[in-house]
Amino acid sequence: MIGRIRTAEVPGLDYLGASAVSPFIVMVLPKVIKGSRGTAPADLDAPHSWT
């Protein structure tokens, strides 16, 4: 008998790169590059990874 597993596939939503558009790219990165503090509409304490 072959075992079974339950899986879920979740797409990455916060892409970084030359043609990517994400809240990080639009709201945070330009300010950080200028040397100021960037803000994002998110719970920054929540587990998260940038794709």
C-alpha atoms as a PDB file:
ATOM      1  CA  MET A   1       0.000   0.000   0.000  1.00  0.00           C
ATOM      2  CA  ILE A   2       1.285   3.435  -0.928  1.00  0.00           C
ATOM      3  CA  GLY A   3       0.828   6.178   1.696  1.00  0.00           C
ATOM      4  CA  ARG A   4      -1.161   9.332   1.107  1.00  0.00           C
ATOM      5  CA  ILE A   5      -0.316  12.892   2.006  1.00  0.00           C
ATOM      6  CA  ARG A   6      -2.379  16.056   2.014  1.00  0.00           C
ATOM      7  CA  THR A   7      -0.742  18.954   0.207  1.00  0.00           C
ATOM      8  CA  ALA A   8      -1.481  22.530  -0.637  1.00  0.00           C
ATOM      9  CA  GLU A   9       0.224  24.653  -3.275  1.00  0.00           C
ATOM     10  CA  VAL A  10       0.583  28.352  -2.605  1.00  0.00           C
ATOM     11  CA  PRO A  11       1.948  30.724  -5.241  1.00  0.00           C
ATOM     12  CA  GLY A  12       4.551  33.313  -4.298  1.00  0.00           C
ATOM     13  CA  LEU A  13       2.889  36.733  -4.236  1.00  0.00           C
ATOM     14  CA  ASP A  14       5.701  39.148  -3.406  1.00  0.00           C
ATOM     15  CA  TYR A  15       8.083  38.814  -6.288  1.00  0.00           C
ATOM     16  CA  LEU A  16      11.279  40.854  -6.455  1.00  0.00           C
ATOM     17  CA  GLY A  17      13.058  41.607  -9.710  1.00  0.00           C
ATOM     18  CA  ALA A  18      13.392  43.925 -12.683  1.00  0.00           C
ATOM     19  CA  SER A  19       9.758  43.817 -13.856  1.00  0.00           C
ATOM     20  CA  ALA A  20       8.063  42.841 -10.599  1.00  0.00           C
ATOM     21  CA  VAL A  21       5.294  44.960  -9.094  1.00  0.00           C
ATOM     22  CA  SER A  22       4.472  44.356  -5.446  1.00  0.00           C
ATOM     23  CA  PRO A  23       3.664  46.486  -2.379  1.00  0.00           C
ATOM     24  CA  PHE A  24       7.313  46.188  -1.339  1.00  0.00           C
ATOM     25  CA  ILE A  25       8.606  47.428  -4.719  1.00  0.00           C
ATOM     26  CA  VAL A  26       6.069  50.283  -4.941  1.00  0.00           C
ATOM     27  CA  MET A  27       5.871  51.519  -1.337  1.00  0.00           C
ATOM     28  CA  VAL A  28       9.014  50.497   0.523  1.00  0.00           C
ATOM     29  CA  LEU A  29      11.975  50.133  -1.820  1.00  0.00           C
ATOM     30  CA  PRO A  30      11.975  53.681  -3.307  1.00  0.00           C
ATOM     31  CA  LYS A  31      12.038  55.245   0.166  1.00  0.00           C
ATOM     32  CA  VAL A  32      14.740  52.901   1.431  1.00  0.00           C
ATOM     33  CA  ILE A  33      16.895  53.679  -1.623  1.00  0.00           C
ATOM     34  CA  LYS A  34      16.536  57.416  -0.832  1.00  0.00           C
ATOM     35  CA  GLY A  35      17.656  56.722   2.722  1.00  0.00           C
ATOM     36  CA  SER A  36      14.318  57.257   4.450  1.00  0.00           C
ATOM     37  CA  ARG A  37      12.011  54.859   6.274  1.00  0.00           C
ATOM     38  CA  GLY A  38       9.531  52.915   4.169  1.00  0.00           C
ATOM     39  CA  THR A  39       6.154  51.696   5.378  1.00  0.00           C
ATOM     40  CA  ALA A  40       3.984  48.839   4.175  1.00  0.00           C
ATOM     41  CA  PRO A  41       0.320  48.030   4.854  1.00  0.00           C
ATOM     42  CA  ALA A  42       1.099  44.695   6.456  1.00  0.00           C
ATOM     43  CA  ASP A  43       1.700  42.957   9.748  1.00  0.00           C
ATOM     44  CA  LEU A  44       5.485  42.960   9.696  1.00  0.00           C
ATOM     45  CA  ASP A  45       5.604  40.540  12.637  1.00  0.00           C
ATOM     46  CA  ALA A  46       3.694  37.853  10.711  1.00  0.00           C
ATOM     47  CA  PRO A  47       5.776  34.997   9.269  1.00  0.00           C
ATOM     48  CA  HIS A  48       6.509  35.904   5.651  1.00  0.00           C
ATOM     49  CA  SER A  49       9.128  35.493   2.967  1.00  0.00           C
ATOM     50  CA  TRP A  50       9.774  37.484  -0.170  1.00  0.00           C
ATOM     51  CA  THR A  51       9.821  35.334  -3.286  1.00  0.00           C
END
